[in-house]
Amino acid sequence: MVPTPPELDLHLTARICRERFDAQVSVARLEGEDLVVPGADDGRGRRGLNLSSMVTHLATKHEWVSPLPDEDYVARLRILGAADHPERFDELLSEIAMGRSILEG
């Protein structure tokens, strides 16, 4: 989980955190905003993780998750009402952890 101040680059911050903590997956968000970006590095395992499938799964499961276009191969989503419901981010993290097979598959 990478809460990122608005003055920092979200993607770079997530990548540095994955490297620093030897994490396979990161879930980054700009503090005070509803944008969430799951991230993973290519080549860390036998095959890459399917982040777009996870975003689709989350959007199907929760009406407050809105998937964003990923034509540039970057998975992203919005948590609708994030400012009024900060617990939704934690719920999202729990769902990602429980849906590990979706990422791998």
PDB file of N, CA and C in Angstrom:
ATOM      1  N   MET A   1       0.856  -1.172   0.000  1.00  0.00           N
ATOM      2  CA  MET A   1       0.000   0.000   0.000  1.00  0.00           C
ATOM      3  C   MET A   1       0.899   1.231   0.000  1.00  0.00           C
ATOM      4  N   VAL A   2       0.648   2.131  -0.955  1.00  0.00           N
ATOM      5  CA  VAL A   2       1.524   3.290  -1.116  1.00  0.00           C
ATOM      6  C   VAL A   2       0.689   4.572  -1.183  1.00  0.00           C
ATOM      7  N   PRO A   3       0.351   5.173  -0.012  1.00  0.00           N
ATOM      8  CA  PRO A   3      -0.295   6.491  -0.069  1.00  0.00           C
ATOM      9  C   PRO A   3       0.758   7.519  -0.475  1.00  0.00           C
ATOM     10  N   THR A   4       0.488   8.249  -1.550  1.00  0.00           N
ATOM     11  CA  THR A   4       1.498   9.120  -2.155  1.00  0.00           C
ATOM     12  C   THR A   4       1.071  10.582  -2.094  1.00  0.00           C
ATOM     13  N   PRO A   5       1.943  11.455  -1.587  1.00  0.00           N
ATOM     14  CA  PRO A   5       1.623  12.887  -1.610  1.00  0.00           C
ATOM     15  C   PRO A   5       1.471  13.366  -3.052  1.00  0.00           C
ATOM     16  N   PRO A   6       0.575  14.319  -3.298  1.00  0.00           N
ATOM     17  CA  PRO A   6       0.310  14.784  -4.671  1.00  0.00           C
ATOM     18  C   PRO A   6       1.528  15.333  -5.406  1.00  0.00           C
ATOM     19  N   GLU A   7       2.534  15.810  -4.692  1.00  0.00           N
ATOM     20  CA  GLU A   7       3.694  16.388  -5.373  1.00  0.00           C
ATOM     21  C   GLU A   7       4.682  15.330  -5.894  1.00  0.00           C
ATOM     22  N   LEU A   8       4.463  14.060  -5.555  1.00  0.00           N
ATOM     23  CA  LEU A   8       5.333  12.996  -6.041  1.00  0.00           C
ATOM     24  C   LEU A   8       4.675  12.237  -7.189  1.00  0.00           C
ATOM     25  N   ASP A   9       5.485  11.630  -8.030  1.00  0.00           N
ATOM     26  CA  ASP A   9       4.985  10.814  -9.135  1.00  0.00           C
ATOM     27  C   ASP A   9       4.460   9.489  -8.571  1.00  0.00           C
ATOM     28  N   LEU A  10       3.195   9.227  -8.808  1.00  0.00           N
ATOM     29  CA  LEU A  10       2.528   8.045  -8.243  1.00  0.00           C
ATOM     30  C   LEU A  10       3.191   6.745  -8.690  1.00  0.00           C
ATOM     31  N   HIS A  11       3.435   6.597  -9.982  1.00  0.00           N
ATOM     32  CA  HIS A  11       3.974   5.351 -10.524  1.00  0.00           C
ATOM     33  C   HIS A  11       5.414   5.108 -10.074  1.00  0.00           C
ATOM     34  N   LEU A  12       6.219   6.150 -10.082  1.00  0.00           N
ATOM     35  CA  LEU A  12       7.605   6.022  -9.647  1.00  0.00           C
ATOM     36  C   LEU A  12       7.677   5.691  -8.154  1.00  0.00           C
ATOM     37  N   THR A  13       6.850   6.336  -7.358  1.00  0.00           N
ATOM     38  CA  THR A  13       6.826   6.068  -5.929  1.00  0.00           C
ATOM     39  C   THR A  13       6.461   4.617  -5.657  1.00  0.00           C
ATOM     40  N   ALA A  14       5.455   4.108  -6.365  1.00  0.00           N
ATOM     41  CA  ALA A  14       5.041   2.711  -6.184  1.00  0.00           C
ATOM     42  C   ALA A  14       6.172   1.760  -6.578  1.00  0.00           C
ATOM     43  N   ARG A  15       6.842   2.062  -7.673  1.00  0.00           N
ATOM     44  CA  ARG A  15       7.938   1.200  -8.130  1.00  0.00           C
ATOM     45  C   ARG A  15       9.086   1.175  -7.118  1.00  0.00           C
ATOM     46  N   ILE A  16       9.444   2.339  -6.595  1.00  0.00           N
ATOM     47  CA  ILE A  16      10.509   2.406  -5.588  1.00  0.00           C
ATOM     48  C   ILE A  16      10.119   1.615  -4.347  1.00  0.00           C
ATOM     49  N   CYS A  17       8.870   1.724  -3.933  1.00  0.00           N
ATOM     50  CA  CYS A  17       8.412   0.980  -2.756  1.00  0.00           C
ATOM     51  C   CYS A  17       8.444  -0.528  -3.001  1.00  0.00           C
ATOM     52  N   ARG A  18       8.032  -0.965  -4.206  1.00  0.00           N
ATOM     53  CA  ARG A  18       8.105  -2.403  -4.507  1.00  0.00           C
ATOM     54  C   ARG A  18       9.545  -2.893  -4.422  1.00  0.00           C
ATOM     55  N   GLU A  19      10.472  -2.118  -4.965  1.00  0.00           N
ATOM     56  CA  GLU A  19      11.880  -2.505  -4.924  1.00  0.00           C
ATOM     57  C   GLU A  19      12.417  -2.506  -3.496  1.00  0.00           C
ATOM     58  N   ARG A  20      12.102  -1.461  -2.768  1.00  0.00           N
ATOM     59  CA  ARG A  20      12.618  -1.323  -1.395  1.00  0.00           C
ATOM     60  C   ARG A  20      12.169  -2.448  -0.483  1.00  0.00           C
ATOM     61  N   PHE A  21      10.898  -2.848  -0.614  1.00  0.00           N
ATOM     62  CA  PHE A  21      10.343  -3.867   0.266  1.00  0.00           C
ATOM     63  C   PHE A  21      10.238  -5.236  -0.402  1.00  0.00           C
ATOM     64  N   ASP A  22      10.836  -5.368  -1.586  1.00  0.00           N
ATOM     65  CA  ASP A  22      10.828  -6.619  -2.337  1.00  0.00           C
ATOM     66  C   ASP A  22       9.405  -7.172  -2.463  1.00  0.00           C
ATOM     67  N   ALA A  23       8.477  -6.273  -2.778  1.00  0.00           N
ATOM     68  CA  ALA A  23       7.072  -6.644  -2.932  1.00  0.00           C
ATOM     69  C   ALA A  23       6.775  -6.936  -4.396  1.00  0.00           C
ATOM     70  N   GLN A  24       5.939  -7.911  -4.618  1.00  0.00           N
ATOM     71  CA  GLN A  24       5.581  -8.257  -5.989  1.00  0.00           C
ATOM     72  C   GLN A  24       4.502  -7.324  -6.532  1.00  0.00           C
ATOM     73  N   VAL A  25       3.630  -6.823  -5.633  1.00  0.00           N
ATOM     74  CA  VAL A  25       2.492  -5.987  -6.031  1.00  0.00           C
ATOM     75  C   VAL A  25       2.462  -4.738  -5.159  1.00  0.00           C
ATOM     76  N   SER A  26       2.056  -3.633  -5.757  1.00  0.00           N
ATOM     77  CA  SER A  26       1.790  -2.421  -4.981  1.00  0.00           C
ATOM     78  C   SER A  26       0.388  -1.927  -5.331  1.00  0.00           C
ATOM     79  N   VAL A  27      -0.196  -1.217  -4.402  1.00  0.00           N
ATOM     80  CA  VAL A  27      -1.480  -0.550  -4.636  1.00  0.00           C
ATOM     81  C   VAL A  27      -1.264   0.890  -4.185  1.00  0.00           C
ATOM     82  N   ALA A  28      -1.137   1.785  -5.172  1.00  0.00           N
ATOM     83  CA  ALA A  28      -0.791   3.169  -4.881  1.00  0.00           C
ATOM     84  C   ALA A  28      -2.001   4.077  -5.065  1.00  0.00           C
ATOM     85  N   ARG A  29      -2.034   5.132  -4.268  1.00  0.00           N
ATOM     86  CA  ARG A  29      -3.087   6.132  -4.421  1.00  0.00           C
ATOM     87  C   ARG A  29      -2.528   7.482  -4.031  1.00  0.00           C
ATOM     88  N   LEU A  30      -3.044   8.503  -4.694  1.00  0.00           N
ATOM     89  CA  LEU A  30      -2.675   9.867  -4.333  1.00  0.00           C
ATOM     90  C   LEU A  30      -3.480  10.267  -3.107  1.00  0.00           C
ATOM     91  N   GLU A  31      -2.808  10.780  -2.104  1.00  0.00           N
ATOM     92  CA  GLU A  31      -3.493  11.193  -0.879  1.00  0.00           C
ATOM     93  C   GLU A  31      -4.554  12.235  -1.192  1.00  0.00           C
ATOM     94  N   GLY A  32      -5.741  12.025  -0.652  1.00  0.00           N
ATOM     95  CA  GLY A  32      -6.832  12.972  -0.834  1.00  0.00           C
ATOM     96  C   GLY A  32      -7.579  12.814  -2.144  1.00  0.00           C
ATOM     97  N   GLU A  33      -7.204  11.841  -2.971  1.00  0.00           N
ATOM     98  CA  GLU A  33      -7.873  11.629  -4.250  1.00  0.00           C
ATOM     99  C   GLU A  33      -8.437  10.217  -4.320  1.00  0.00           C
ATOM    100  N   ASP A  34      -9.237   9.973  -5.347  1.00  0.00           N
ATOM    101  CA  ASP A  34      -9.898   8.674  -5.467  1.00  0.00           C
ATOM    102  C   ASP A  34      -9.223   7.732  -6.465  1.00  0.00           C
ATOM    103  N   LEU A  35      -8.125   8.165  -7.089  1.00  0.00           N
ATOM    104  CA  LEU A  35      -7.399   7.341  -8.048  1.00  0.00           C
ATOM    105  C   LEU A  35      -6.569   6.290  -7.326  1.00  0.00           C
ATOM    106  N   VAL A  36      -6.675   5.034  -7.791  1.00  0.00           N
ATOM    107  CA  VAL A  36      -5.909   3.919  -7.244  1.00  0.00           C
ATOM    108  C   VAL A  36      -5.235   3.200  -8.411  1.00  0.00           C
ATOM    109  N   VAL A  37      -3.938   2.897  -8.258  1.00  0.00           N
ATOM    110  CA  VAL A  37      -3.185   2.237  -9.313  1.00  0.00           C
ATOM    111  C   VAL A  37      -2.489   1.000  -8.740  1.00  0.00           C
ATOM    112  N   PRO A  38      -2.998  -0.188  -9.089  1.00  0.00           N
ATOM    113  CA  PRO A  38      -2.250  -1.393  -8.715  1.00  0.00           C
ATOM    114  C   PRO A  38      -1.055  -1.525  -9.649  1.00  0.00           C
ATOM    115  N   GLY A  39       0.054  -2.004  -9.131  1.00  0.00           N
ATOM    116  CA  GLY A  39       1.243  -2.120  -9.965  1.00  0.00           C
ATOM    117  C   GLY A  39       2.023  -3.381  -9.658  1.00  0.00           C
ATOM    118  N   ALA A  40       2.769  -3.855 -10.632  1.00  0.00           N
ATOM    119  CA  ALA A  40       3.651  -5.014 -10.482  1.00  0.00           C
ATOM    120  C   ALA A  40       4.765  -4.868 -11.501  1.00  0.00           C
ATOM    121  N   ASP A  41       5.897  -5.446 -11.198  1.00  0.00           N
ATOM    122  CA  ASP A  41       7.025  -5.405 -12.124  1.00  0.00           C
ATOM    123  C   ASP A  41       7.003  -6.640 -13.002  1.00  0.00           C
ATOM    124  N   ASP A  42       7.338  -6.468 -14.266  1.00  0.00           N
ATOM    125  CA  ASP A  42       7.461  -7.606 -15.181  1.00  0.00           C
ATOM    126  C   ASP A  42       8.704  -8.404 -14.825  1.00  0.00           C
ATOM    127  N   GLY A  43       8.622  -9.699 -15.045  1.00  0.00           N
ATOM    128  CA  GLY A  43       9.797 -10.533 -14.886  1.00  0.00           C
ATOM    129  C   GLY A  43      10.116 -10.954 -13.473  1.00  0.00           C
ATOM    130  N   ARG A  44       9.224 -10.714 -12.513  1.00  0.00           N
ATOM    131  CA  ARG A  44       9.518 -11.111 -11.141  1.00  0.00           C
ATOM    132  C   ARG A  44       9.168 -12.569 -10.885  1.00  0.00           C
ATOM    133  N   GLY A  45       8.444 -13.160 -11.770  1.00  0.00           N
ATOM    134  CA  GLY A  45       8.078 -14.564 -11.626  1.00  0.00           C
ATOM    135  C   GLY A  45       8.086 -15.211 -12.983  1.00  0.00           C
ATOM    136  N   ARG A  46       7.425 -16.347 -13.053  1.00  0.00           N
ATOM    137  CA  ARG A  46       7.369 -17.045 -14.337  1.00  0.00           C
ATOM    138  C   ARG A  46       6.592 -16.256 -15.369  1.00  0.00           C
ATOM    139  N   ARG A  47       5.564 -15.554 -14.928  1.00  0.00           N
ATOM    140  CA  ARG A  47       4.776 -14.732 -15.843  1.00  0.00           C
ATOM    141  C   ARG A  47       4.259 -13.510 -15.100  1.00  0.00           C
ATOM    142  N   GLY A  48       3.848 -12.501 -15.848  1.00  0.00           N
ATOM    143  CA  GLY A  48       3.371 -11.272 -15.240  1.00  0.00           C
ATOM    144  C   GLY A  48       2.023 -11.446 -14.567  1.00  0.00           C
ATOM    145  N   LEU A  49       1.703 -10.535 -13.685  1.00  0.00           N
ATOM    146  CA  LEU A  49       0.420 -10.568 -13.000  1.00  0.00           C
ATOM    147  C   LEU A  49      -0.624  -9.821 -13.821  1.00  0.00           C
ATOM    148  N   ASN A  50      -1.843 -10.274 -13.768  1.00  0.00           N
ATOM    149  CA  ASN A  50      -2.926  -9.708 -14.555  1.00  0.00           C
ATOM    150  C   ASN A  50      -3.678  -8.664 -13.730  1.00  0.00           C
ATOM    151  N   LEU A  51      -3.175  -7.443 -13.723  1.00  0.00           N
ATOM    152  CA  LEU A  51      -3.765  -6.372 -12.920  1.00  0.00           C
ATOM    153  C   LEU A  51      -5.106  -5.910 -13.491  1.00  0.00           C
ATOM    154  N   SER A  52      -5.255  -5.943 -14.802  1.00  0.00           N
ATOM    155  CA  SER A  52      -6.520  -5.532 -15.420  1.00  0.00           C
ATOM    156  C   SER A  52      -7.662  -6.450 -15.011  1.00  0.00           C
ATOM    157  N   SER A  53      -7.384  -7.744 -14.898  1.00  0.00           N
ATOM    158  CA  SER A  53      -8.418  -8.681 -14.436  1.00  0.00           C
ATOM    159  C   SER A  53      -8.829  -8.377 -13.005  1.00  0.00           C
ATOM    160  N   MET A  54      -7.865  -7.978 -12.190  1.00  0.00           N
ATOM    161  CA  MET A  54      -8.195  -7.641 -10.805  1.00  0.00           C
ATOM    162  C   MET A  54      -9.076  -6.398 -10.759  1.00  0.00           C
ATOM    163  N   VAL A  55      -8.756  -5.393 -11.571  1.00  0.00           N
ATOM    164  CA  VAL A  55      -9.578  -4.178 -11.610  1.00  0.00           C
ATOM    165  C   VAL A  55     -10.999  -4.524 -12.047  1.00  0.00           C
ATOM    166  N   THR A  56     -11.133  -5.370 -13.059  1.00  0.00           N
ATOM    167  CA  THR A  56     -12.457  -5.793 -13.527  1.00  0.00           C
ATOM    168  C   THR A  56     -13.203  -6.523 -12.424  1.00  0.00           C
ATOM    169  N   HIS A  57     -12.524  -7.403 -11.726  1.00  0.00           N
ATOM    170  CA  HIS A  57     -13.134  -8.136 -10.605  1.00  0.00           C
ATOM    171  C   HIS A  57     -13.625  -7.176  -9.523  1.00  0.00           C
ATOM    172  N   LEU A  58     -12.794  -6.217  -9.162  1.00  0.00           N
ATOM    173  CA  LEU A  58     -13.164  -5.259  -8.115  1.00  0.00           C
ATOM    174  C   LEU A  58     -14.370  -4.420  -8.539  1.00  0.00           C
ATOM    175  N   ALA A  59     -14.409  -4.015  -9.803  1.00  0.00           N
ATOM    176  CA  ALA A  59     -15.531  -3.213 -10.305  1.00  0.00           C
ATOM    177  C   ALA A  59     -16.820  -4.022 -10.339  1.00  0.00           C
ATOM    178  N   THR A  60     -16.703  -5.316 -10.613  1.00  0.00           N
ATOM    179  CA  THR A  60     -17.876  -6.187 -10.627  1.00  0.00           C
ATOM    180  C   THR A  60     -18.402  -6.412  -9.213  1.00  0.00           C
ATOM    181  N   LYS A  61     -17.507  -6.523  -8.274  1.00  0.00           N
ATOM    182  CA  LYS A  61     -17.880  -6.835  -6.891  1.00  0.00           C
ATOM    183  C   LYS A  61     -18.394  -5.623  -6.108  1.00  0.00           C
ATOM    184  N   HIS A  62     -17.872  -4.434  -6.399  1.00  0.00           N
ATOM    185  CA  HIS A  62     -18.214  -3.243  -5.620  1.00  0.00           C
ATOM    186  C   HIS A  62     -18.747  -2.143  -6.537  1.00  0.00           C
ATOM    187  N   GLU A  63     -19.919  -1.643  -6.229  1.00  0.00           N
ATOM    188  CA  GLU A  63     -20.508  -0.577  -7.050  1.00  0.00           C
ATOM    189  C   GLU A  63     -19.749   0.737  -6.905  1.00  0.00           C
ATOM    190  N   TRP A  64     -18.912   0.877  -5.895  1.00  0.00           N
ATOM    191  CA  TRP A  64     -18.148   2.101  -5.678  1.00  0.00           C
ATOM    192  C   TRP A  64     -16.772   2.057  -6.335  1.00  0.00           C
ATOM    193  N   VAL A  65     -16.491   1.017  -7.103  1.00  0.00           N
ATOM    194  CA  VAL A  65     -15.244   0.932  -7.862  1.00  0.00           C
ATOM    195  C   VAL A  65     -15.554   1.196  -9.330  1.00  0.00           C
ATOM    196  N   SER A  66     -14.831   2.138  -9.905  1.00  0.00           N
ATOM    197  CA  SER A  66     -15.013   2.478 -11.308  1.00  0.00           C
ATOM    198  C   SER A  66     -13.697   2.234 -12.052  1.00  0.00           C
ATOM    199  N   PRO A  67     -13.670   1.245 -12.970  1.00  0.00           N
ATOM    200  CA  PRO A  67     -12.432   1.003 -13.720  1.00  0.00           C
ATOM    201  C   PRO A  67     -12.166   2.140 -14.698  1.00  0.00           C
ATOM    202  N   LEU A  68     -10.915   2.412 -14.943  1.00  0.00           N
ATOM    203  CA  LEU A  68     -10.516   3.447 -15.888  1.00  0.00           C
ATOM    204  C   LEU A  68      -9.850   2.791 -17.100  1.00  0.00           C
ATOM    205  N   PRO A  69      -9.850   3.451 -18.247  1.00  0.00           N
ATOM    206  CA  PRO A  69      -9.246   2.872 -19.451  1.00  0.00           C
ATOM    207  C   PRO A  69      -7.789   2.478 -19.218  1.00  0.00           C
ATOM    208  N   ASP A  70      -7.395   1.369 -19.829  1.00  0.00           N
ATOM    209  CA  ASP A  70      -6.007   0.920 -19.674  1.00  0.00           C
ATOM    210  C   ASP A  70      -5.341   0.655 -21.022  1.00  0.00           C
ATOM    211  N   GLU A  71      -5.660   1.522 -22.004  1.00  0.00           N
ATOM    212  CA  GLU A  71      -5.053   1.374 -23.325  1.00  0.00           C
ATOM    213  C   GLU A  71      -3.527   1.446 -23.275  1.00  0.00           C
ATOM    214  N   ASP A  72      -2.997   2.134 -22.268  1.00  0.00           N
ATOM    215  CA  ASP A  72      -1.542   2.252 -22.141  1.00  0.00           C
ATOM    216  C   ASP A  72      -0.955   1.141 -21.262  1.00  0.00           C
ATOM    217  N   TYR A  73      -1.764   0.107 -21.006  1.00  0.00           N
ATOM    218  CA  TYR A  73      -1.347  -1.066 -20.237  1.00  0.00           C
ATOM    219  C   TYR A  73      -1.062  -0.760 -18.773  1.00  0.00           C
ATOM    220  N   VAL A  74      -1.683   0.287 -18.251  1.00  0.00           N
ATOM    221  CA  VAL A  74      -1.590   0.610 -16.835  1.00  0.00           C
ATOM    222  C   VAL A  74      -2.987   0.443 -16.246  1.00  0.00           C
ATOM    223  N   ALA A  75      -3.122  -0.504 -15.327  1.00  0.00           N
ATOM    224  CA  ALA A  75      -4.412  -0.731 -14.676  1.00  0.00           C
ATOM    225  C   ALA A  75      -4.658   0.388 -13.671  1.00  0.00           C
ATOM    226  N   ARG A  76      -5.879   0.908 -13.654  1.00  0.00           N
ATOM    227  CA  ARG A  76      -6.234   1.942 -12.681  1.00  0.00           C
ATOM    228  C   ARG A  76      -7.727   1.927 -12.449  1.00  0.00           C
ATOM    229  N   LEU A  77      -8.101   2.496 -11.319  1.00  0.00           N
ATOM    230  CA  LEU A  77      -9.509   2.563 -10.954  1.00  0.00           C
ATOM    231  C   LEU A  77      -9.743   3.760 -10.064  1.00  0.00           C
ATOM    232  N   ARG A  78     -11.004   4.061  -9.869  1.00  0.00           N
ATOM    233  CA  ARG A  78     -11.391   5.124  -8.929  1.00  0.00           C
ATOM    234  C   ARG A  78     -12.276   4.517  -7.859  1.00  0.00           C
ATOM    235  N   ILE A  79     -12.064   4.975  -6.639  1.00  0.00           N
ATOM    236  CA  ILE A  79     -12.954   4.619  -5.539  1.00  0.00           C
ATOM    237  C   ILE A  79     -13.937   5.772  -5.419  1.00  0.00           C
ATOM    238  N   LEU A  80     -15.160   5.540  -5.849  1.00  0.00           N
ATOM    239  CA  LEU A  80     -16.181   6.586  -5.789  1.00  0.00           C
ATOM    240  C   LEU A  80     -16.520   6.883  -4.330  1.00  0.00           C
ATOM    241  N   GLY A  81     -16.544   8.152  -3.980  1.00  0.00           N
ATOM    242  CA  GLY A  81     -16.843   8.556  -2.606  1.00  0.00           C
ATOM    243  C   GLY A  81     -15.714   8.277  -1.628  1.00  0.00           C
ATOM    244  N   ALA A  82     -14.494   8.238  -2.122  1.00  0.00           N
ATOM    245  CA  ALA A  82     -13.342   7.907  -1.271  1.00  0.00           C
ATOM    246  C   ALA A  82     -13.174   8.877  -0.100  1.00  0.00           C
ATOM    247  N   ALA A  83     -13.447  10.148  -0.327  1.00  0.00           N
ATOM    248  CA  ALA A  83     -13.280  11.146   0.743  1.00  0.00           C
ATOM    249  C   ALA A  83     -14.259  10.903   1.889  1.00  0.00           C
ATOM    250  N   ASP A  84     -15.467  10.490   1.558  1.00  0.00           N
ATOM    251  CA  ASP A  84     -16.486  10.246   2.581  1.00  0.00           C
ATOM    252  C   ASP A  84     -16.408   8.847   3.176  1.00  0.00           C
ATOM    253  N   HIS A  85     -15.726   7.934   2.486  1.00  0.00           N
ATOM    254  CA  HIS A  85     -15.634   6.543   2.932  1.00  0.00           C
ATOM    255  C   HIS A  85     -14.184   6.047   2.849  1.00  0.00           C
ATOM    256  N   PRO A  86     -13.308   6.515   3.746  1.00  0.00           N
ATOM    257  CA  PRO A  86     -11.901   6.104   3.680  1.00  0.00           C
ATOM    258  C   PRO A  86     -11.705   4.607   3.913  1.00  0.00           C
ATOM    259  N   GLU A  87     -12.668   3.948   4.519  1.00  0.00           N
ATOM    260  CA  GLU A  87     -12.575   2.508   4.758  1.00  0.00           C
ATOM    261  C   GLU A  87     -12.620   1.697   3.463  1.00  0.00           C
ATOM    262  N   ARG A  88     -13.079   2.294   2.388  1.00  0.00           N
ATOM    263  CA  ARG A  88     -13.169   1.583   1.107  1.00  0.00           C
ATOM    264  C   ARG A  88     -11.795   1.183   0.580  1.00  0.00           C
ATOM    265  N   PHE A  89     -10.790   1.975   0.845  1.00  0.00           N
ATOM    266  CA  PHE A  89      -9.442   1.621   0.394  1.00  0.00           C
ATOM    267  C   PHE A  89      -8.967   0.350   1.100  1.00  0.00           C
ATOM    268  N   ASP A  90      -9.206   0.263   2.399  1.00  0.00           N
ATOM    269  CA  ASP A  90      -8.830  -0.940   3.144  1.00  0.00           C
ATOM    270  C   ASP A  90      -9.607  -2.152   2.648  1.00  0.00           C
ATOM    271  N   GLU A  91     -10.874  -1.955   2.339  1.00  0.00           N
ATOM    272  CA  GLU A  91     -11.691  -3.037   1.803  1.00  0.00           C
ATOM    273  C   GLU A  91     -11.141  -3.503   0.454  1.00  0.00           C
ATOM    274  N   LEU A  92     -10.709  -2.561  -0.347  1.00  0.00           N
ATOM    275  CA  LEU A  92     -10.112  -2.872  -1.636  1.00  0.00           C
ATOM    276  C   LEU A  92      -8.844  -3.707  -1.459  1.00  0.00           C
ATOM    277  N   LEU A  93      -7.989  -3.319  -0.528  1.00  0.00           N
ATOM    278  CA  LEU A  93      -6.764  -4.067  -0.257  1.00  0.00           C
ATOM    279  C   LEU A  93      -7.068  -5.496   0.183  1.00  0.00           C
ATOM    280  N   SER A  94      -8.058  -5.657   1.045  1.00  0.00           N
ATOM    281  CA  SER A  94      -8.450  -6.993   1.503  1.00  0.00           C
ATOM    282  C   SER A  94      -8.931  -7.853   0.351  1.00  0.00           C
ATOM    283  N   GLU A  95      -9.704  -7.261  -0.533  1.00  0.00           N
ATOM    284  CA  GLU A  95     -10.227  -7.994  -1.683  1.00  0.00           C
ATOM    285  C   GLU A  95      -9.099  -8.414  -2.619  1.00  0.00           C
ATOM    286  N   ILE A  96      -8.118  -7.554  -2.810  1.00  0.00           N
ATOM    287  CA  ILE A  96      -6.974  -7.905  -3.653  1.00  0.00           C
ATOM    288  C   ILE A  96      -6.197  -9.058  -3.027  1.00  0.00           C
ATOM    289  N   ALA A  97      -5.988  -9.004  -1.717  1.00  0.00           N
ATOM    290  CA  ALA A  97      -5.266 -10.079  -1.031  1.00  0.00           C
ATOM    291  C   ALA A  97      -6.021 -11.408  -1.134  1.00  0.00           C
ATOM    292  N   MET A  98      -7.325 -11.369  -0.999  1.00  0.00           N
ATOM    293  CA  MET A  98      -8.117 -12.605  -1.084  1.00  0.00           C
ATOM    294  C   MET A  98      -8.216 -13.119  -2.518  1.00  0.00           C
ATOM    295  N   GLY A  99      -8.082 -12.235  -3.505  1.00  0.00           N
ATOM    296  CA  GLY A  99      -8.210 -12.628  -4.895  1.00  0.00           C
ATOM    297  C   GLY A  99      -6.891 -12.853  -5.600  1.00  0.00           C
ATOM    298  N   ARG A 100      -5.934 -13.306  -4.889  1.00  0.00           N
ATOM    299  CA  ARG A 100      -4.583 -13.523  -5.434  1.00  0.00           C
ATOM    300  C   ARG A 100      -4.610 -14.373  -6.704  1.00  0.00           C
ATOM    301  N   SER A 101      -5.485 -15.357  -6.762  1.00  0.00           N
ATOM    302  CA  SER A 101      -5.543 -16.226  -7.940  1.00  0.00           C
ATOM    303  C   SER A 101      -5.972 -15.464  -9.190  1.00  0.00           C
ATOM    304  N   ILE A 102      -6.743 -14.398  -9.015  1.00  0.00           N
ATOM    305  CA  ILE A 102      -7.151 -13.558 -10.155  1.00  0.00           C
ATOM    306  C   ILE A 102      -5.919 -12.875 -10.743  1.00  0.00           C
ATOM    307  N   LEU A 103      -5.031 -12.410  -9.892  1.00  0.00           N
ATOM    308  CA  LEU A 103      -3.801 -11.774 -10.351  1.00  0.00           C
ATOM    309  C   LEU A 103      -2.912 -12.742 -11.128  1.00  0.00           C
ATOM    310  N   GLU A 104      -2.877 -13.965 -10.675  1.00  0.00           N
ATOM    311  CA  GLU A 104      -1.980 -14.953 -11.275  1.00  0.00           C
ATOM    312  C   GLU A 104      -2.562 -15.593 -12.515  1.00  0.00           C
ATOM    313  N   GLY A 105      -3.857 -15.373 -12.747  1.00  0.00           N
ATOM    314  CA  GLY A 105      -4.427 -16.073 -13.733  1.00  0.00           C
ATOM    315  C   GLY A 105      -5.012 -15.978 -14.949  1.00  0.00           C
TER     316      GLY A 105
END
